[in-house]
Amino acid sequence: MNGQPELTVIMPVYNMEKYIAKALDQLAKQEDPNFKLLIVNDGSKDKTVEVAEQYRDKFRYFRILNKKNGGLSDARNVGMANVDTPYFTFHDGDDWVEPGYTAYFVRAFHDHPNVAMVSCGYFIDSPHRHNKVVGSPNDGVLSKLRTYGKMTNIFNSPVKGYTWNKGYKTAVVRKYHMTFVEGLAFMEDQIFNVHYIANTNGFYYNAVPLYHYWQREDSMVHHFNLKMVPDNVKANWYVWKTIFASLIEQRKEHKQDHTNQNLISEGNNNERKG
């Protein structure tokens, strides 16, 4: 595909020297290589940057942003602030993707121009489990209510609240000044996605798996700490408060539209009678 890239892949990394080579190897094999890769180095103390630099010549558009350590949300926010393409997605430094990953997002937005977000399916990989496909192979454009349902489903949803299987419109983020909440141990991605959906209309998903989510035994989410308890309460409060407010507002809009339609119909009937 020719022309200016339409998609940026944002990859926040922190001490990923053991994993980032595989991530970049797979990204370099994309069927559509016309995308921008933006690596946000969040103050890594190992050789993450040195490993990443070895891949610079394998990508058409390659950039590393080095910043002081501020956490995952801060790194994502820095990445979004530097996006200059119509669409973007996120990619964790310890995961990897199928060859059709980048092409999927661009194609999905082109095929469904009225949607604000698109989502692909994913695998779950771990040292004890290989290539588990999450969800059934279906697809479609969802209502706001059904989108919330698939995002908050803690079981077998091919959507959920992750960022790495989602494609976003840069214009939406700019219009609503959207950022990731900082200071939370987890669920900041789900909060962001719920806010994004609350401000927009139109969500398309296809459960065909294109992303490999690597469940490391040493990752933060698999090690309990006391901060997770209040953060879990706070994050769920953010999520459900936003969902309920969004659905109430949507209901008000539907009622207003129905009232306006009735007024228009009455006016037309009166004109005919006259």
Protein backbone atom coordinates (compact mmCIF):
# COMPACT_ATOMS: atom_id res chain seq x y z
CA MET A 1 0.00 0.00 0.00
CA ASN A 2 1.34 3.39 -1.00
CA GLY A 3 0.86 6.91 0.29
CA GLN A 4 1.21 8.37 3.76
CA PRO A 5 0.74 5.91 6.64
CA GLU A 6 -2.69 5.96 8.23
CA LEU A 7 -1.80 3.95 11.34
CA THR A 8 0.65 4.42 14.21
CA VAL A 9 1.57 1.50 16.45
CA ILE A 10 2.46 2.85 19.91
CA MET A 11 4.70 0.51 21.90
CA PRO A 12 5.36 1.60 25.51
CA VAL A 13 8.33 -0.33 26.92
CA TYR A 14 10.07 -0.64 30.26
CA ASN A 15 12.87 -3.19 30.78
CA MET A 16 11.80 -5.37 27.86
CA GLU A 17 15.20 -6.51 26.59
CA LYS A 18 14.20 -10.18 26.89
CA TYR A 19 11.00 -9.81 24.88
CA ILE A 20 11.09 -6.86 22.50
CA ALA A 21 13.06 -8.63 19.76
CA LYS A 22 10.20 -11.08 19.18
CA ALA A 23 7.67 -8.25 19.17
CA LEU A 24 9.67 -6.32 16.55
CA ASP A 25 10.44 -9.43 14.49
CA GLN A 26 6.72 -10.04 14.02
CA LEU A 27 5.87 -6.40 13.40
CA ALA A 28 8.52 -6.30 10.68
CA LYS A 29 6.64 -9.09 8.85
CA GLN A 30 3.38 -7.20 8.40
CA GLU A 31 1.45 -7.65 5.16
CA ASP A 32 0.97 -3.88 5.17
CA PRO A 33 4.32 -2.34 6.17
CA ASN A 34 3.07 1.21 5.61
CA PHE A 35 2.59 2.15 9.28
CA LYS A 36 4.49 4.20 11.84
CA LEU A 37 6.12 2.49 14.80
CA LEU A 38 6.47 4.71 17.85
CA ILE A 39 8.38 3.12 20.74
CA VAL A 40 8.03 5.02 24.02
CA ASN A 41 10.90 4.06 26.31
CA ASP A 42 9.68 4.67 29.85
CA GLY A 43 13.10 5.02 31.47
CA SER A 44 14.28 1.44 30.95
CA LYS A 45 17.34 0.45 32.97
CA ASP A 46 18.31 -2.54 30.83
CA LYS A 47 19.23 -2.87 27.12
CA THR A 48 15.72 -2.39 25.74
CA VAL A 49 16.68 0.63 23.65
CA GLU A 50 19.87 -1.00 22.34
CA VAL A 51 17.87 -4.03 21.15
CA ALA A 52 15.19 -1.84 19.58
CA GLU A 53 17.74 0.28 17.71
CA GLN A 54 18.90 -2.82 15.84
CA TYR A 55 15.50 -2.91 14.11
CA ARG A 56 15.43 0.67 12.86
CA ASP A 57 16.20 -0.30 9.24
CA LYS A 58 13.44 -2.93 9.17
CA PHE A 59 10.64 -0.38 9.35
CA ARG A 60 9.63 2.41 6.98
CA TYR A 61 8.79 4.73 9.87
CA PHE A 62 10.59 4.09 13.15
CA ARG A 63 10.91 6.40 16.14
CA ILE A 64 12.03 5.94 19.76
CA LEU A 65 10.95 8.47 22.36
CA ASN A 66 12.99 8.33 25.57
CA LYS A 67 11.40 9.66 28.74
CA LYS A 68 11.84 9.50 32.49
CA ASN A 69 10.02 6.59 34.11
CA GLY A 70 6.43 7.56 34.80
CA GLY A 71 4.46 4.35 34.43
CA LEU A 72 2.45 2.73 31.66
CA SER A 73 -0.35 5.29 31.53
CA ASP A 74 2.13 8.15 31.29
CA ALA A 75 3.99 6.36 28.48
CA ARG A 76 0.75 5.79 26.58
CA ASN A 77 -0.19 9.44 27.00
CA VAL A 78 3.18 10.55 25.63
CA GLY A 79 2.68 8.19 22.70
CA MET A 80 -0.79 9.52 21.89
CA ALA A 81 0.46 13.11 22.08
CA ASN A 82 2.97 12.30 19.33
CA VAL A 83 0.63 10.53 16.92
CA ASP A 84 0.20 12.26 13.55
CA THR A 85 -1.74 9.59 11.65
CA PRO A 86 -5.55 9.26 11.45
CA TYR A 87 -5.55 5.99 13.41
CA PHE A 88 -3.45 4.38 16.10
CA THR A 89 -3.24 1.27 18.25
CA PHE A 90 -1.13 0.03 21.15
CA HIS A 91 1.27 -2.91 21.33
CA ASP A 92 2.87 -4.23 24.52
CA GLY A 93 6.60 -4.88 24.29
CA ASP A 94 6.35 -8.49 25.46
CA ASP A 95 3.59 -9.56 23.03
CA TRP A 96 3.59 -10.26 19.30
CA VAL A 97 1.17 -10.13 16.37
CA GLU A 98 0.05 -11.97 13.26
CA PRO A 99 1.07 -10.65 9.78
CA GLY A 100 -2.36 -9.12 9.14
CA TYR A 101 -2.45 -7.03 12.32
CA THR A 102 -1.73 -3.53 10.98
CA ALA A 103 -3.67 -4.04 7.75
CA TYR A 104 -6.74 -5.05 9.74
CA PHE A 105 -7.17 -1.71 11.50
CA VAL A 106 -6.83 0.41 8.37
CA ARG A 107 -9.13 -1.87 6.39
CA ALA A 108 -11.72 -2.01 9.18
CA PHE A 109 -11.89 1.78 9.43
CA HIS A 110 -12.19 2.07 5.65
CA ASP A 111 -14.92 -0.57 5.48
CA HIS A 112 -16.82 0.96 8.40
CA PRO A 113 -16.24 4.73 8.13
CA ASN A 114 -18.98 5.59 10.62
CA VAL A 115 -17.49 3.72 13.56
CA ALA A 116 -15.13 5.34 16.06
CA MET A 117 -13.36 2.22 17.28
CA VAL A 118 -12.47 -1.18 15.82
CA SER A 119 -11.26 -4.31 17.57
CA CYS A 120 -9.64 -7.59 16.53
CA GLY A 121 -9.51 -10.97 18.26
CA TYR A 122 -6.56 -12.33 20.20
CA PHE A 123 -4.72 -15.37 21.48
CA ILE A 124 -3.64 -15.97 25.06
CA ASP A 125 -0.18 -17.53 25.29
CA SER A 126 1.72 -18.48 28.42
CA PRO A 127 4.50 -20.86 29.47
CA HIS A 128 1.80 -23.44 30.18
CA ARG A 129 -0.70 -22.70 27.43
CA HIS A 130 -0.17 -22.14 23.70
CA ASN A 131 -2.39 -20.19 21.32
CA LYS A 132 -5.71 -20.22 23.14
CA VAL A 133 -8.16 -18.31 20.94
CA VAL A 134 -10.54 -16.16 22.99
CA GLY A 135 -14.17 -16.05 21.91
CA SER A 136 -16.03 -17.38 18.90
CA PRO A 137 -15.24 -16.31 15.31
CA ASN A 138 -17.93 -13.66 14.84
CA ASP A 139 -18.03 -9.99 13.98
CA GLY A 140 -20.31 -7.02 13.63
CA VAL A 141 -21.16 -3.41 14.42
CA LEU A 142 -22.43 -3.14 18.00
CA SER A 143 -24.67 -0.75 19.84
CA LYS A 144 -23.18 1.24 22.72
CA LEU A 145 -24.83 -1.05 25.29
CA ARG A 146 -23.53 -4.24 23.67
CA THR A 147 -20.07 -2.71 23.33
CA TYR A 148 -19.97 -2.00 27.06
CA GLY A 149 -21.09 -5.57 27.68
CA LYS A 150 -18.27 -7.07 25.64
CA MET A 151 -15.69 -4.72 27.18
CA THR A 152 -16.61 -5.52 30.78
CA ASN A 153 -17.18 -9.26 30.30
CA ILE A 154 -14.58 -10.94 32.53
CA PHE A 155 -14.96 -14.31 30.83
CA ASN A 156 -14.77 -15.33 27.17
CA SER A 157 -15.11 -12.00 25.36
CA PRO A 158 -13.03 -11.42 22.19
CA VAL A 159 -13.16 -7.67 22.92
CA LYS A 160 -12.66 -6.88 26.63
CA GLY A 161 -11.04 -3.67 27.87
CA TYR A 162 -7.54 -4.10 26.44
CA THR A 163 -5.92 -1.45 24.25
CA TRP A 164 -3.69 -3.69 22.14
CA ASN A 165 -6.57 -5.20 20.14
CA LYS A 166 -8.26 -1.84 19.51
CA GLY A 167 -7.89 0.76 16.79
CA TYR A 168 -8.61 4.39 17.68
CA LYS A 169 -9.24 7.61 15.75
CA THR A 170 -6.76 10.34 16.60
CA ALA A 171 -9.38 13.02 15.97
CA VAL A 172 -11.55 11.61 18.77
CA VAL A 173 -8.70 11.72 21.28
CA ARG A 174 -7.85 15.29 20.28
CA LYS A 175 -11.47 16.50 20.37
CA TYR A 176 -12.18 15.16 23.87
CA HIS A 177 -8.66 15.66 25.26
CA MET A 178 -8.53 12.00 26.25
CA THR A 179 -5.72 10.59 28.38
CA PHE A 180 -5.08 7.50 30.47
CA VAL A 181 -5.63 7.81 34.22
CA GLU A 182 -2.28 7.68 35.98
CA GLY A 183 -1.47 6.16 39.36
CA LEU A 184 -3.58 3.00 39.05
CA ALA A 185 -2.04 -0.47 39.32
CA PHE A 186 -4.32 -1.84 36.59
CA MET A 187 -7.60 -1.34 34.63
CA GLU A 188 -6.48 2.04 33.29
CA ASP A 189 -6.97 0.64 29.78
CA GLN A 190 -10.60 -0.30 30.44
CA ILE A 191 -11.30 3.14 31.91
CA PHE A 192 -9.88 4.77 28.79
CA ASN A 193 -11.91 2.56 26.46
CA VAL A 194 -15.16 3.15 28.33
CA HIS A 195 -14.62 6.93 28.22
CA TYR A 196 -13.82 6.68 24.50
CA ILE A 197 -17.03 4.75 23.76
CA ALA A 198 -19.08 7.11 25.96
CA ASN A 199 -18.02 10.05 23.79
CA THR A 200 -18.59 8.36 20.43
CA ASN A 201 -20.94 6.17 18.44
CA GLY A 202 -20.10 3.11 16.40
CA PHE A 203 -17.97 0.12 17.33
CA TYR A 204 -16.89 -2.68 14.99
CA TYR A 205 -15.22 -5.90 16.07
CA ASN A 206 -13.97 -9.03 14.38
CA ALA A 207 -12.96 -11.92 16.61
CA VAL A 208 -10.41 -13.34 14.18
CA PRO A 209 -7.27 -13.48 16.39
CA LEU A 210 -4.39 -11.26 15.28
CA TYR A 211 -2.69 -10.40 18.60
CA HIS A 212 -0.77 -12.73 20.93
CA TYR A 213 -1.16 -11.74 24.58
CA TRP A 214 1.79 -13.25 26.47
CA GLN A 215 0.92 -13.96 30.11
CA ARG A 216 4.28 -13.73 31.82
CA GLU A 217 4.54 -15.30 35.25
CA ASP A 218 6.59 -12.31 36.44
CA SER A 219 4.16 -9.62 35.20
CA MET A 220 2.66 -7.20 37.71
CA VAL A 221 -0.93 -8.36 37.21
CA HIS A 222 -0.03 -11.86 38.38
CA HIS A 223 1.49 -10.73 41.67
CA PHE A 224 -0.90 -9.46 44.32
CA ASN A 225 -0.07 -6.34 46.28
CA LEU A 226 -2.17 -4.26 48.67
CA LYS A 227 -2.41 -1.35 46.23
CA MET A 228 -4.54 -3.53 43.95
CA VAL A 229 -7.47 -3.53 46.39
CA PRO A 230 -8.24 0.23 46.47
CA ASP A 231 -7.23 0.57 42.82
CA ASN A 232 -9.71 -2.14 41.84
CA VAL A 233 -12.51 -0.37 43.71
CA LYS A 234 -11.57 3.02 42.24
CA ALA A 235 -11.23 1.69 38.68
CA ASN A 236 -14.57 -0.13 38.75
CA TRP A 237 -16.23 3.00 40.14
CA TYR A 238 -14.81 5.02 37.23
CA VAL A 239 -15.96 2.42 34.70
CA TRP A 240 -19.52 1.92 35.90
CA LYS A 241 -20.10 5.59 36.67
CA THR A 242 -19.15 6.41 33.07
CA ILE A 243 -21.27 3.61 31.61
CA PHE A 244 -24.41 4.54 33.53
CA ALA A 245 -24.04 8.27 32.78
CA SER A 246 -23.50 7.48 29.09
CA LEU A 247 -26.56 5.23 28.83
CA ILE A 248 -28.76 7.75 30.67
CA GLU A 249 -27.65 10.50 28.28
CA GLN A 250 -28.27 8.23 25.30
CA ARG A 251 -31.78 7.49 26.55
CA LYS A 252 -32.50 11.23 26.90
CA GLU A 253 -31.31 11.81 23.34
CA HIS A 254 -33.53 9.02 22.02
CA LYS A 255 -36.54 10.49 23.82
CA GLN A 256 -35.80 13.93 22.40
CA ASP A 257 -35.43 12.50 18.89
CA HIS A 258 -38.76 10.69 19.28
CA THR A 259 -40.45 13.89 20.48
CA ASN A 260 -39.02 15.85 17.54
CA GLN A 261 -40.23 13.23 15.09
CA ASN A 262 -43.75 13.41 16.56
CA LEU A 263 -43.77 17.21 16.24
CA ILE A 264 -42.63 16.95 12.61
CA SER A 265 -45.35 14.37 11.86
CA GLU A 266 -48.04 16.51 13.49
CA GLY A 267 -46.89 19.53 11.49
CA ASN A 268 -47.04 17.60 8.24
CA ASN A 269 -50.55 16.32 9.05
CA ASN A 270 -51.76 19.83 9.85
CA GLU A 271 -50.36 21.11 6.53
CA ARG A 272 -52.22 18.41 4.62
CA LYS A 273 -55.46 19.18 6.45
CA GLY A 274 -55.05 22.88 5.68
